[in-house]
N, C-alpha and C. Protein backbone atom coordinates (compact mmCIF):
# COMPACT_ATOMS: atom_id res chain seq x y z
N MET A 1 -21.63 7.20 2.10
CA MET A 1 -20.94 6.76 0.90
C MET A 1 -20.30 5.59 1.66
N SER A 2 -20.03 4.62 0.46
CA SER A 2 -19.54 3.05 0.95
C SER A 2 -17.88 3.53 1.34
N PRO A 3 -17.70 2.44 2.19
CA PRO A 3 -15.93 2.48 2.53
C PRO A 3 -15.25 2.12 1.17
N ARG A 4 -15.65 1.38 0.28
CA ARG A 4 -14.71 1.14 -0.84
C ARG A 4 -14.79 2.50 -1.69
N LEU A 5 -15.74 3.32 -1.83
CA LEU A 5 -15.85 4.59 -2.75
C LEU A 5 -14.95 5.65 -2.07
N LYS A 6 -15.03 5.67 -0.83
CA LYS A 6 -13.97 6.54 0.11
C LYS A 6 -12.60 6.42 0.11
N LYS A 7 -12.18 5.15 -0.10
CA LYS A 7 -10.81 4.57 -0.17
C LYS A 7 -10.33 4.72 -1.91
N LEU A 8 -11.37 4.49 -2.67
CA LEU A 8 -10.56 5.05 -4.19
C LEU A 8 -10.77 6.45 -4.15
N ILE A 9 -11.66 7.33 -3.66
CA ILE A 9 -11.46 8.74 -3.70
C ILE A 9 -10.44 9.03 -2.83
N GLY A 10 -9.98 8.67 -2.07
CA GLY A 10 -8.68 8.91 -1.13
C GLY A 10 -7.45 8.61 -1.95
N THR A 11 -7.38 7.81 -2.46
CA THR A 11 -6.73 6.98 -3.23
C THR A 11 -5.99 7.93 -4.52
N LEU A 12 -7.17 8.20 -5.10
CA LEU A 12 -7.17 9.26 -6.38
C LEU A 12 -6.61 10.36 -5.70
N VAL A 13 -7.23 11.06 -4.81
CA VAL A 13 -6.57 12.69 -4.13
C VAL A 13 -4.94 12.31 -3.93
N ILE A 14 -4.51 11.11 -3.32
CA ILE A 14 -3.05 11.03 -2.88
C ILE A 14 -2.23 10.91 -4.15
N PHE A 15 -2.77 10.34 -5.42
CA PHE A 15 -1.97 9.92 -6.76
C PHE A 15 -1.99 11.50 -7.38
N ILE A 16 -2.94 12.62 -7.00
CA ILE A 16 -2.74 13.78 -7.41
C ILE A 16 -2.11 14.72 -6.75
N TRP A 17 -2.39 14.72 -5.28
CA TRP A 17 -1.41 15.39 -4.28
C TRP A 17 -0.11 15.33 -4.27
N LEU A 18 0.60 13.99 -4.42
CA LEU A 18 1.85 13.89 -4.37
C LEU A 18 2.73 14.63 -5.39
N PRO A 19 2.30 14.24 -6.64
CA PRO A 19 3.07 14.91 -7.92
C PRO A 19 3.16 16.41 -7.58
N VAL A 20 1.76 16.99 -7.27
CA VAL A 20 1.62 18.62 -6.98
C VAL A 20 2.62 19.04 -5.99
N TYR A 21 2.38 18.39 -4.94
CA TYR A 21 3.27 18.79 -4.26
C TYR A 21 4.88 18.94 -4.27
N ILE A 22 5.41 17.81 -5.08
CA ILE A 22 6.49 17.63 -5.24
C ILE A 22 7.16 18.62 -6.58
N LEU A 23 6.52 18.85 -7.45
CA LEU A 23 6.37 19.88 -8.32
C LEU A 23 6.59 21.54 -7.71
N PHE A 24 5.71 21.57 -6.59
CA PHE A 24 5.70 22.78 -5.80
C PHE A 24 6.97 22.92 -5.10
N ALA A 25 7.39 22.07 -4.43
CA ALA A 25 8.37 21.84 -3.37
C ALA A 25 9.77 22.13 -4.14
N TRP A 26 9.85 21.58 -5.68
CA TRP A 26 10.94 21.31 -6.23
C TRP A 26 10.98 22.93 -6.80
N ALA A 27 9.97 23.69 -7.23
CA ALA A 27 10.01 25.17 -7.67
C ALA A 27 10.63 25.96 -6.84
N ILE A 28 10.21 25.70 -5.37
CA ILE A 28 10.55 26.38 -4.24
C ILE A 28 11.85 26.59 -4.21
N GLY A 29 12.26 25.28 -4.12
CA GLY A 29 13.80 25.07 -3.97
C GLY A 29 14.58 25.58 -4.94
N LEU A 30 14.25 25.53 -6.05
CA LEU A 30 15.05 26.12 -7.31
C LEU A 30 15.39 27.58 -6.92
N HIS A 31 14.53 28.32 -6.26
CA HIS A 31 14.60 29.72 -5.93
C HIS A 31 15.35 30.18 -4.73
N VAL A 32 15.37 29.17 -3.79
CA VAL A 32 15.53 29.46 -2.14
C VAL A 32 16.96 28.76 -2.07
N LEU A 33 17.29 27.61 -2.62
CA LEU A 33 18.36 27.05 -2.06
C LEU A 33 19.80 27.07 -3.07
N PRO A 34 19.69 27.82 -4.21
CA PRO A 34 21.08 28.11 -4.68
C PRO A 34 21.97 29.13 -3.99
N SER A 35 21.08 30.16 -3.34
CA SER A 35 21.79 31.27 -2.52
C SER A 35 21.61 30.88 -0.95
N ALA A 36 21.45 29.69 -0.39
CA ALA A 36 21.18 29.44 0.88
C ALA A 36 22.35 28.80 1.63
N ASN A 37 22.13 28.95 3.09
CA ASN A 37 23.54 28.48 3.62
C ASN A 37 23.02 27.17 3.89
N GLY A 38 23.84 26.54 4.63
CA GLY A 38 23.79 25.14 5.38
C GLY A 38 22.55 24.92 5.82
N VAL A 39 22.30 25.95 7.03
CA VAL A 39 21.10 25.66 7.65
C VAL A 39 19.70 25.92 7.10
N THR A 40 19.78 26.92 6.23
CA THR A 40 18.49 27.23 5.55
C THR A 40 18.21 25.88 4.78
N ALA A 41 19.29 25.38 3.99
CA ALA A 41 19.10 24.30 3.26
C ALA A 41 18.56 23.07 4.21
N PHE A 42 19.17 22.88 5.05
CA PHE A 42 18.69 21.46 5.91
C PHE A 42 17.30 21.84 6.55
N LEU A 43 17.00 23.03 7.03
CA LEU A 43 15.81 23.42 7.25
C LEU A 43 14.49 23.20 6.01
N TYR A 44 14.99 23.77 4.98
CA TYR A 44 13.88 23.42 3.92
C TYR A 44 13.99 22.04 3.33
N TYR A 45 14.74 21.14 3.15
CA TYR A 45 14.75 19.73 3.11
C TYR A 45 13.78 19.04 4.35
N ALA A 46 14.18 19.48 5.71
CA ALA A 46 13.40 18.97 6.76
C ALA A 46 11.84 19.33 6.45
N LEU A 47 11.45 20.36 6.41
CA LEU A 47 10.25 21.08 5.98
C LEU A 47 9.47 20.18 4.86
N ALA A 48 10.39 20.38 3.89
CA ALA A 48 9.60 19.92 2.84
C ALA A 48 9.35 18.35 2.56
N GLY A 49 10.09 17.66 3.19
CA GLY A 49 10.09 16.25 3.34
C GLY A 49 9.23 16.00 4.44
N THR A 50 8.56 16.67 5.12
CA THR A 50 7.60 16.16 6.16
C THR A 50 6.14 16.48 5.82
N LEU A 51 6.13 18.17 5.52
CA LEU A 51 4.84 18.85 5.19
C LEU A 51 3.99 17.85 4.48
N TRP A 52 4.23 17.23 3.55
CA TRP A 52 3.73 16.20 2.65
C TRP A 52 2.40 15.52 3.23
N ILE A 53 2.73 15.24 4.17
CA ILE A 53 2.13 14.03 5.00
C ILE A 53 0.98 14.87 5.45
N ILE A 54 0.80 15.97 5.90
CA ILE A 54 -0.14 16.72 6.83
C ILE A 54 -1.56 16.37 6.10
N PRO A 55 -1.48 16.89 4.66
CA PRO A 55 -3.13 16.65 4.25
C PRO A 55 -3.46 15.08 4.10
N ILE A 56 -2.67 14.26 3.82
CA ILE A 56 -2.60 12.67 3.65
C ILE A 56 -3.03 12.05 5.27
N GLY A 57 -2.37 12.62 6.26
CA GLY A 57 -2.70 12.53 7.30
C GLY A 57 -4.14 12.53 7.89
N LEU A 58 -4.55 13.96 7.57
CA LEU A 58 -5.85 14.41 7.72
C LEU A 58 -7.24 13.41 6.89
N MET A 59 -6.72 13.33 5.78
CA MET A 59 -7.60 12.38 4.94
C MET A 59 -7.61 10.79 5.38
N LEU A 60 -6.57 10.24 6.02
CA LEU A 60 -6.90 8.81 6.08
C LEU A 60 -7.92 8.49 7.13
N PRO A 61 -8.12 9.19 8.21
CA PRO A 61 -9.01 8.90 9.26
C PRO A 61 -10.60 8.78 8.39
N TRP A 62 -10.69 9.75 7.65
CA TRP A 62 -12.03 10.10 6.87
C TRP A 62 -12.12 8.80 5.93
N MET A 63 -11.02 8.34 5.18
CA MET A 63 -10.97 6.97 4.64
C MET A 63 -11.41 5.85 4.94
N TYR A 64 -11.02 5.47 6.38
CA TYR A 64 -11.08 4.44 6.91
C TYR A 64 -11.97 4.78 7.98
N ARG A 65 -13.05 5.59 7.83
CA ARG A 65 -14.15 5.71 8.95
C ARG A 65 -15.33 4.85 8.54
N ASP A 66 -16.21 4.17 9.56
CA ASP A 66 -17.14 3.53 8.87
C ASP A 66 -18.25 4.06 8.65
N ALA A 67 -19.10 3.55 7.59
CA ALA A 67 -20.04 4.40 7.00
C ALA A 67 -21.05 4.55 7.83
N SER A 68 -21.20 3.69 8.97
CA SER A 68 -22.26 3.90 10.09
C SER A 68 -22.15 5.24 10.85
N ARG A 69 -20.92 5.64 10.95
CA ARG A 69 -20.25 6.59 11.86
C ARG A 69 -20.79 8.09 11.20
N ASN A 70 -21.11 8.12 9.86
CA ASN A 70 -20.98 9.34 9.18
C ASN A 70 -22.31 9.93 9.69
C-alpha cells in the first residue's frame, strides 16, 4: 500500500473516530456527572480528555511506516 493511501485512510479514520468518541464521552458524562462529586468529575474529565489519543497514537506509526518495511 502506498504511503499516500495509508495517510488518506488514516486521516479518514481520525475524522470518523473523533466525533464518535466525543458523542460517546458526552453520553457517558450526561449519566455519570450530574450525581458525581468533584473528584469523580475530575477523574472523568481527565480520562475522557486523554483516552481519545490511544487509538490515534497506535494508528500513526502505521500511517507513516515506509511501504518497503511492510
